[in-house]
PDB file of all heavy atoms in Angstrom:
ATOM      1  N   TYR A   1     111.792 105.843  59.280  1.00  0.00           N
ATOM      2  CA  TYR A   1     112.992 106.290  59.984  1.00  0.00           C
ATOM      3  C   TYR A   1     113.092 107.794  59.790  1.00  0.00           C
ATOM      4  O   TYR A   1     113.075 108.276  58.660  1.00  0.00           O
ATOM      5  CB  TYR A   1     114.222 105.586  59.403  1.00  0.00           C
ATOM      6  CG  TYR A   1     115.543 106.097  59.915  1.00  0.00           C
ATOM      7  CD1 TYR A   1     116.128 105.544  61.045  1.00  0.00           C
ATOM      8  CD2 TYR A   1     116.214 107.127  59.263  1.00  0.00           C
ATOM      9  CE1 TYR A   1     117.348 106.008  61.510  1.00  0.00           C
ATOM     10  CE2 TYR A   1     117.428 107.599  59.718  1.00  0.00           C
ATOM     11  CZ  TYR A   1     117.989 107.023  60.837  1.00  0.00           C
ATOM     12  OH  TYR A   1     119.186 107.483  61.310  1.00  0.00           O
ATOM     13  N   LEU A   2     113.167 108.535  60.880  1.00  0.00           N
ATOM     14  CA  LEU A   2     113.281 109.995  60.834  1.00  0.00           C
ATOM     15  C   LEU A   2     114.419 110.422  61.743  1.00  0.00           C
ATOM     16  O   LEU A   2     114.749 109.740  62.711  1.00  0.00           O
ATOM     17  CB  LEU A   2     111.967 110.641  61.300  1.00  0.00           C
ATOM     18  CG  LEU A   2     110.713 110.231  60.533  1.00  0.00           C
ATOM     19  CD1 LEU A   2     109.465 110.656  61.283  1.00  0.00           C
ATOM     20  CD2 LEU A   2     110.737 110.840  59.142  1.00  0.00           C
ATOM     21  N   GLU A   3     115.014 111.588  61.458  1.00  0.00           N
ATOM     22  CA  GLU A   3     116.124 112.096  62.271  1.00  0.00           C
ATOM     23  C   GLU A   3     115.862 113.509  62.748  1.00  0.00           C
ATOM     24  O   GLU A   3     115.275 114.324  62.025  1.00  0.00           O
ATOM     25  CB  GLU A   3     117.427 112.120  61.456  1.00  0.00           C
ATOM     26  CG  GLU A   3     117.975 110.776  61.111  1.00  0.00           C
ATOM     27  CD  GLU A   3     119.284 110.864  60.341  1.00  0.00           C
ATOM     28  OE1 GLU A   3     119.698 111.981  59.953  1.00  0.00           O
ATOM     29  OE2 GLU A   3     119.894 109.807  60.122  1.00  0.00           O
ATOM     30  N   ASN A   4     116.328 113.783  63.957  1.00  0.00           N
ATOM     31  CA  ASN A   4     116.422 115.131  64.534  1.00  0.00           C
ATOM     32  C   ASN A   4     115.144 115.955  64.418  1.00  0.00           C
ATOM     33  O   ASN A   4     115.161 117.072  63.905  1.00  0.00           O
ATOM     34  CB  ASN A   4     117.606 115.888  63.931  1.00  0.00           C
ATOM     35  CG  ASN A   4     118.924 115.260  64.332  1.00  0.00           C
ATOM     36  OD1 ASN A   4     118.992 114.454  65.248  1.00  0.00           O
ATOM     37  ND2 ASN A   4     119.975 115.625  63.656  1.00  0.00           N
ATOM     38  N   ILE A   5     114.062 115.420  64.922  1.00  0.00           N
ATOM     39  CA  ILE A   5     112.806 116.157  65.011  1.00  0.00           C
ATOM     40  C   ILE A   5     112.626 116.526  66.481  1.00  0.00           C
ATOM     41  O   ILE A   5     112.770 115.664  67.355  1.00  0.00           O
ATOM     42  CB  ILE A   5     111.618 115.312  64.512  1.00  0.00           C
ATOM     43  CG1 ILE A   5     111.823 114.951  63.040  1.00  0.00           C
ATOM     44  CG2 ILE A   5     110.304 116.057  64.703  1.00  0.00           C
ATOM     45  CD1 ILE A   5     110.762 114.057  62.467  1.00  0.00           C
ATOM     46  N   PRO A   6     112.319 117.775  66.784  1.00  0.00           N
ATOM     47  CA  PRO A   6     112.135 118.150  68.192  1.00  0.00           C
ATOM     48  C   PRO A   6     110.880 117.487  68.763  1.00  0.00           C
ATOM     49  O   PRO A   6     110.002 117.050  68.014  1.00  0.00           O
ATOM     50  CB  PRO A   6     111.985 119.674  68.137  1.00  0.00           C
ATOM     51  CG  PRO A   6     111.509 119.960  66.748  1.00  0.00           C
ATOM     52  CD  PRO A   6     112.097 118.896  65.876  1.00  0.00           C
ATOM     53  N   SER A   7     110.797 117.426  70.074  1.00  0.00           N
ATOM     54  CA  SER A   7     109.605 116.846  70.684  1.00  0.00           C
ATOM     55  C   SER A   7     108.415 117.770  70.453  1.00  0.00           C
ATOM     56  O   SER A   7     108.566 118.983  70.344  1.00  0.00           O
ATOM     57  CB  SER A   7     109.830 116.614  72.179  1.00  0.00           C
ATOM     58  OG  SER A   7     110.088 117.831  72.832  1.00  0.00           O
ATOM     59  N   GLY A   8     107.236 117.178  70.320  1.00  0.00           N
ATOM     60  CA  GLY A   8     106.022 117.956  70.115  1.00  0.00           C
ATOM     61  C   GLY A   8     105.025 117.211  69.256  1.00  0.00           C
ATOM     62  O   GLY A   8     105.188 116.041  68.936  1.00  0.00           O
ATOM     63  N   ARG A   9     103.963 117.931  68.888  1.00  0.00           N
ATOM     64  CA  ARG A   9     102.902 117.384  68.040  1.00  0.00           C
ATOM     65  C   ARG A   9     102.938 118.137  66.714  1.00  0.00           C
ATOM     66  O   ARG A   9     102.866 119.362  66.707  1.00  0.00           O
ATOM     67  CB  ARG A   9     101.558 117.556  68.726  1.00  0.00           C
ATOM     68  CG  ARG A   9     101.516 116.905  70.092  1.00  0.00           C
ATOM     69  CD  ARG A   9     100.245 117.263  70.862  1.00  0.00           C
ATOM     70  NE  ARG A   9      99.161 116.329  70.627  1.00  0.00           N
ATOM     71  CZ  ARG A   9      99.043 115.155  71.212  1.00  0.00           C
ATOM     72  NH1 ARG A   9      99.945 114.770  72.078  1.00  0.00           N
ATOM     73  NH2 ARG A   9      98.024 114.374  70.948  1.00  0.00           N
ATOM     74  N   PHE A  10     103.020 117.393  65.602  1.00  0.00           N
ATOM     75  CA  PHE A  10     103.199 118.015  64.301  1.00  0.00           C
ATOM     76  C   PHE A  10     102.168 117.504  63.295  1.00  0.00           C
ATOM     77  O   PHE A  10     101.916 116.300  63.233  1.00  0.00           O
ATOM     78  CB  PHE A  10     104.611 117.741  63.771  1.00  0.00           C
ATOM     79  CG  PHE A  10     105.681 118.185  64.711  1.00  0.00           C
ATOM     80  CD1 PHE A  10     106.324 117.286  65.539  1.00  0.00           C
ATOM     81  CD2 PHE A  10     106.028 119.524  64.809  1.00  0.00           C
ATOM     82  CE1 PHE A  10     107.306 117.699  66.428  1.00  0.00           C
ATOM     83  CE2 PHE A  10     107.007 119.956  65.687  1.00  0.00           C
ATOM     84  CZ  PHE A  10     107.643 119.034  66.500  1.00  0.00           C
ATOM     85  N   PRO A  11     101.592 118.420  62.493  1.00  0.00           N
ATOM     86  CA  PRO A  11     100.677 117.979  61.442  1.00  0.00           C
ATOM     87  C   PRO A  11     101.451 117.177  60.396  1.00  0.00           C
ATOM     88  O   PRO A  11     102.561 117.542  60.017  1.00  0.00           O
ATOM     89  CB  PRO A  11     100.116 119.274  60.863  1.00  0.00           C
ATOM     90  CG  PRO A  11     100.987 120.362  61.354  1.00  0.00           C
ATOM     91  CD  PRO A  11     101.746 119.866  62.530  1.00  0.00           C
ATOM     92  N   ALA A  12     100.854 116.062  59.975  1.00  0.00           N
ATOM     93  CA  ALA A  12     101.521 115.190  59.013  1.00  0.00           C
ATOM     94  C   ALA A  12     100.498 114.638  58.025  1.00  0.00           C
ATOM     95  O   ALA A  12      99.295 114.696  58.256  1.00  0.00           O
ATOM     96  CB  ALA A  12     102.222 114.053  59.753  1.00  0.00           C
ATOM     97  N   ARG A  13     101.017 114.112  56.932  1.00  0.00           N
ATOM     98  CA  ARG A  13     100.160 113.527  55.895  1.00  0.00           C
ATOM     99  C   ARG A  13     100.853 112.287  55.356  1.00  0.00           C
ATOM    100  O   ARG A  13     102.040 112.302  55.044  1.00  0.00           O
ATOM    101  CB  ARG A  13      99.923 114.527  54.771  1.00  0.00           C
ATOM    102  CG  ARG A  13      99.071 113.987  53.645  1.00  0.00           C
ATOM    103  CD  ARG A  13      98.594 115.121  52.741  1.00  0.00           C
ATOM    104  NE  ARG A  13      97.863 114.625  51.600  1.00  0.00           N
ATOM    105  CZ  ARG A  13      96.617 114.153  51.627  1.00  0.00           C
ATOM    106  NH1 ARG A  13      95.961 114.113  52.768  1.00  0.00           N
ATOM    107  NH2 ARG A  13      96.030 113.730  50.535  1.00  0.00           N
ATOM    108  N   LEU A  14     100.083 111.200  55.260  1.00  0.00           N
ATOM    109  CA  LEU A  14     100.540 109.951  54.680  1.00  0.00           C
ATOM    110  C   LEU A  14      99.719 109.743  53.412  1.00  0.00           C
ATOM    111  O   LEU A  14      98.492 109.881  53.440  1.00  0.00           O
ATOM    112  CB  LEU A  14     100.284 108.818  55.682  1.00  0.00           C
ATOM    113  CG  LEU A  14     101.030 107.507  55.531  1.00  0.00           C
ATOM    114  CD1 LEU A  14     102.533 107.743  55.610  1.00  0.00           C
ATOM    115  CD2 LEU A  14     100.599 106.538  56.606  1.00  0.00           C
ATOM    116  N   PHE A  15     100.361 109.452  52.288  1.00  0.00           N
ATOM    117  CA  PHE A  15      99.619 109.357  51.022  1.00  0.00           C
ATOM    118  C   PHE A  15     100.248 108.330  50.096  1.00  0.00           C
ATOM    119  O   PHE A  15     101.448 108.064  50.134  1.00  0.00           O
ATOM    120  CB  PHE A  15      99.564 110.723  50.325  1.00  0.00           C
ATOM    121  CG  PHE A  15     100.916 111.329  50.086  1.00  0.00           C
ATOM    122  CD1 PHE A  15     101.580 111.101  48.893  1.00  0.00           C
ATOM    123  CD2 PHE A  15     101.534 112.107  51.050  1.00  0.00           C
ATOM    124  CE1 PHE A  15     102.838 111.647  48.664  1.00  0.00           C
ATOM    125  CE2 PHE A  15     102.787 112.661  50.836  1.00  0.00           C
ATOM    126  CZ  PHE A  15     103.440 112.432  49.635  1.00  0.00           C
ATOM    127  N   LYS A  16      99.365 107.747  49.272  1.00  0.00           N
ATOM    128  CA  LYS A  16      99.813 106.780  48.270  1.00  0.00           C
ATOM    129  C   LYS A  16      98.744 106.736  47.190  1.00  0.00           C
ATOM    130  O   LYS A  16      97.588 106.420  47.478  1.00  0.00           O
ATOM    131  CB  LYS A  16     100.005 105.406  48.892  1.00  0.00           C
ATOM    132  CG  LYS A  16     100.510 104.357  47.924  1.00  0.00           C
ATOM    133  CD  LYS A  16     100.741 103.043  48.640  1.00  0.00           C
ATOM    134  CE  LYS A  16     101.255 101.985  47.694  1.00  0.00           C
ATOM    135  NZ  LYS A  16     101.440 100.702  48.389  1.00  0.00           N
ATOM    136  N   GLY A  17      99.116 107.072  45.962  1.00  0.00           N
ATOM    137  CA  GLY A  17      98.142 107.115  44.879  1.00  0.00           C
ATOM    138  C   GLY A  17      97.048 108.121  45.184  1.00  0.00           C
ATOM    139  O   GLY A  17      97.325 109.257  45.534  1.00  0.00           O
ATOM    140  N   ASP A  18      95.792 107.708  45.106  1.00  0.00           N
ATOM    141  CA  ASP A  18      94.682 108.620  45.383  1.00  0.00           C
ATOM    142  C   ASP A  18      94.246 108.583  46.848  1.00  0.00           C
ATOM    143  O   ASP A  18      93.275 109.216  47.234  1.00  0.00           O
ATOM    144  CB  ASP A  18      93.491 108.309  44.467  1.00  0.00           C
ATOM    145  CG  ASP A  18      92.971 106.895  44.626  1.00  0.00           C
ATOM    146  OD1 ASP A  18      93.615 106.091  45.331  1.00  0.00           O
ATOM    147  OD2 ASP A  18      91.922 106.585  44.030  1.00  0.00           O
ATOM    148  N   LYS A  19      94.957 107.851  47.667  1.00  0.00           N
ATOM    149  CA  LYS A  19      94.623 107.744  49.088  1.00  0.00           C
ATOM    150  C   LYS A  19      95.531 108.653  49.899  1.00  0.00           C
ATOM    151  O   LYS A  19      96.738 108.719  49.667  1.00  0.00           O
ATOM    152  CB  LYS A  19      94.794 106.297  49.557  1.00  0.00           C
ATOM    153  CG  LYS A  19      94.482 106.119  51.023  1.00  0.00           C
ATOM    154  CD  LYS A  19      94.633 104.677  51.450  1.00  0.00           C
ATOM    155  CE  LYS A  19      94.283 104.601  52.914  1.00  0.00           C
ATOM    156  NZ  LYS A  19      93.732 103.345  53.299  1.00  0.00           N
ATOM    157  N   GLY A  20      94.954 109.368  50.860  1.00  0.00           N
ATOM    158  CA  GLY A  20      95.738 110.229  51.724  1.00  0.00           C
ATOM    159  C   GLY A  20      95.082 110.396  53.072  1.00  0.00           C
ATOM    160  O   GLY A  20      93.859 110.389  53.178  1.00  0.00           O
ATOM    161  N   CYS A  21      95.874 110.495  54.104  1.00  0.00           N
ATOM    162  CA  CYS A  21      95.363 110.649  55.466  1.00  0.00           C
ATOM    163  C   CYS A  21      96.160 111.737  56.173  1.00  0.00           C
ATOM    164  O   CYS A  21      97.389 111.702  56.198  1.00  0.00           O
ATOM    165  CB  CYS A  21      95.503 109.360  56.254  1.00  0.00           C
ATOM    166  SG  CYS A  21      94.606 107.965  55.585  1.00  0.00           S
ATOM    167  N   ASN A  22      95.459 112.693  56.755  1.00  0.00           N
ATOM    168  CA  ASN A  22      96.095 113.707  57.593  1.00  0.00           C
ATOM    169  C   ASN A  22      96.029 113.224  59.036  1.00  0.00           C
ATOM    170  O   ASN A  22      95.030 112.628  59.453  1.00  0.00           O
ATOM    171  CB  ASN A  22      95.377 115.049  57.462  1.00  0.00           C
ATOM    172  CG  ASN A  22      95.533 115.632  56.080  1.00  0.00           C
ATOM    173  OD1 ASN A  22      96.592 115.551  55.478  1.00  0.00           O
ATOM    174  ND2 ASN A  22      94.469 116.207  55.561  1.00  0.00           N
ATOM    175  N   PHE A  23      97.089 113.477  59.794  1.00  0.00           N
ATOM    176  CA  PHE A  23      97.123 113.061  61.189  1.00  0.00           C
ATOM    177  C   PHE A  23      98.113 113.932  61.946  1.00  0.00           C
ATOM    178  O   PHE A  23      98.781 114.787  61.358  1.00  0.00           O
ATOM    179  CB  PHE A  23      97.487 111.575  61.317  1.00  0.00           C
ATOM    180  CG  PHE A  23      98.886 111.237  60.858  1.00  0.00           C
ATOM    181  CD1 PHE A  23      99.905 111.045  61.776  1.00  0.00           C
ATOM    182  CD2 PHE A  23      99.182 111.094  59.510  1.00  0.00           C
ATOM    183  CE1 PHE A  23     101.188 110.734  61.363  1.00  0.00           C
ATOM    184  CE2 PHE A  23     100.462 110.778  59.081  1.00  0.00           C
ATOM    185  CZ  PHE A  23     101.469 110.598  60.008  1.00  0.00           C
ATOM    186  N   GLU A  24      98.212 113.713  63.232  1.00  0.00           N
ATOM    187  CA  GLU A  24      99.145 114.447  64.072  1.00  0.00           C
ATOM    188  C   GLU A  24     100.214 113.460  64.546  1.00  0.00           C
ATOM    189  O   GLU A  24      99.890 112.454  65.174  1.00  0.00           O
ATOM    190  CB  GLU A  24      98.407 115.051  65.266  1.00  0.00           C
ATOM    191  CG  GLU A  24      99.262 115.957  66.106  1.00  0.00           C
ATOM    192  CD  GLU A  24      98.449 116.641  67.191  1.00  0.00           C
ATOM    193  OE1 GLU A  24      97.983 115.942  68.110  1.00  0.00           O
ATOM    194  OE2 GLU A  24      98.295 117.870  67.106  1.00  0.00           O
ATOM    195  N   LEU A  25     101.467 113.734  64.201  1.00  0.00           N
ATOM    196  CA  LEU A  25     102.572 112.883  64.626  1.00  0.00           C
ATOM    197  C   LEU A  25     103.095 113.403  65.959  1.00  0.00           C
ATOM    198  O   LEU A  25     103.445 114.573  66.084  1.00  0.00           O
ATOM    199  CB  LEU A  25     103.695 112.883  63.586  1.00  0.00           C
ATOM    200  CG  LEU A  25     104.893 111.988  63.904  1.00  0.00           C
ATOM    201  CD1 LEU A  25     104.473 110.522  63.949  1.00  0.00           C
ATOM    202  CD2 LEU A  25     105.994 112.184  62.875  1.00  0.00           C
ATOM    203  N   VAL A  26     103.143 112.530  66.947  1.00  0.00           N
ATOM    204  CA  VAL A  26     103.600 112.901  68.286  1.00  0.00           C
ATOM    205  C   VAL A  26     105.021 112.392  68.483  1.00  0.00           C
ATOM    206  O   VAL A  26     105.285 111.191  68.374  1.00  0.00           O
ATOM    207  CB  VAL A  26     102.670 112.307  69.371  1.00  0.00           C
ATOM    208  CG1 VAL A  26     103.177 112.670  70.756  1.00  0.00           C
ATOM    209  CG2 VAL A  26     101.240 112.795  69.162  1.00  0.00           C
ATOM    210  N   ILE A  27     105.934 113.324  68.728  1.00  0.00           N
ATOM    211  CA  ILE A  27     107.335 112.993  69.005  1.00  0.00           C
ATOM    212  C   ILE A  27     107.570 113.244  70.485  1.00  0.00           C
ATOM    213  O   ILE A  27     107.507 114.381  70.953  1.00  0.00           O
ATOM    214  CB  ILE A  27     108.304 113.857  68.165  1.00  0.00           C
ATOM    215  CG1 ILE A  27     108.038 113.683  66.669  1.00  0.00           C
ATOM    216  CG2 ILE A  27     109.749 113.546  68.517  1.00  0.00           C
ATOM    217  CD1 ILE A  27     108.368 112.319  66.118  1.00  0.00           C
ATOM    218  N   PRO A  28     107.824 112.185  71.264  1.00  0.00           N
ATOM    219  CA  PRO A  28     108.015 112.357  72.704  1.00  0.00           C
ATOM    220  C   PRO A  28     109.375 112.967  73.041  1.00  0.00           C
ATOM    221  O   PRO A  28     110.332 112.833  72.272  1.00  0.00           O
ATOM    222  CB  PRO A  28     107.915 110.933  73.244  1.00  0.00           C
ATOM    223  CG  PRO A  28     108.390 110.075  72.109  1.00  0.00           C
ATOM    224  CD  PRO A  28     107.955 110.792  70.855  1.00  0.00           C
ATOM    225  N   LYS A  29     109.454 113.611  74.185  1.00  0.00           N
ATOM    226  CA  LYS A  29     110.732 114.127  74.673  1.00  0.00           C
ATOM    227  C   LYS A  29     111.521 112.932  75.197  1.00  0.00           C
ATOM    228  O   LYS A  29     111.004 112.125  75.966  1.00  0.00           O
ATOM    229  CB  LYS A  29     110.489 115.151  75.783  1.00  0.00           C
ATOM    230  CG  LYS A  29     111.745 115.843  76.259  1.00  0.00           C
ATOM    231  CD  LYS A  29     111.386 116.956  77.228  1.00  0.00           C
ATOM    232  CE  LYS A  29     112.610 117.646  77.760  1.00  0.00           C
ATOM    233  NZ  LYS A  29     113.289 118.481  76.791  1.00  0.00           N
ATOM    234  N   SER A  30     112.754 112.799  74.757  1.00  0.00           N
ATOM    235  CA  SER A  30     113.567 111.658  75.153  1.00  0.00           C
ATOM    236  C   SER A  30     115.049 112.006  75.045  1.00  0.00           C
ATOM    237  O   SER A  30     115.443 112.773  74.178  1.00  0.00           O
ATOM    238  CB  SER A  30     113.258 110.452  74.263  1.00  0.00           C
ATOM    239  OG  SER A  30     114.112 109.381  74.554  1.00  0.00           O
TER     240      SER A  30
END
């Protein structure tokens, strides 16, 4: 659950313990 992020493509990282993944989070215009 996220709030008030503008539309666009943003660098993001998901991680847990020694595992981590970089990705691009896409927030659509709505």
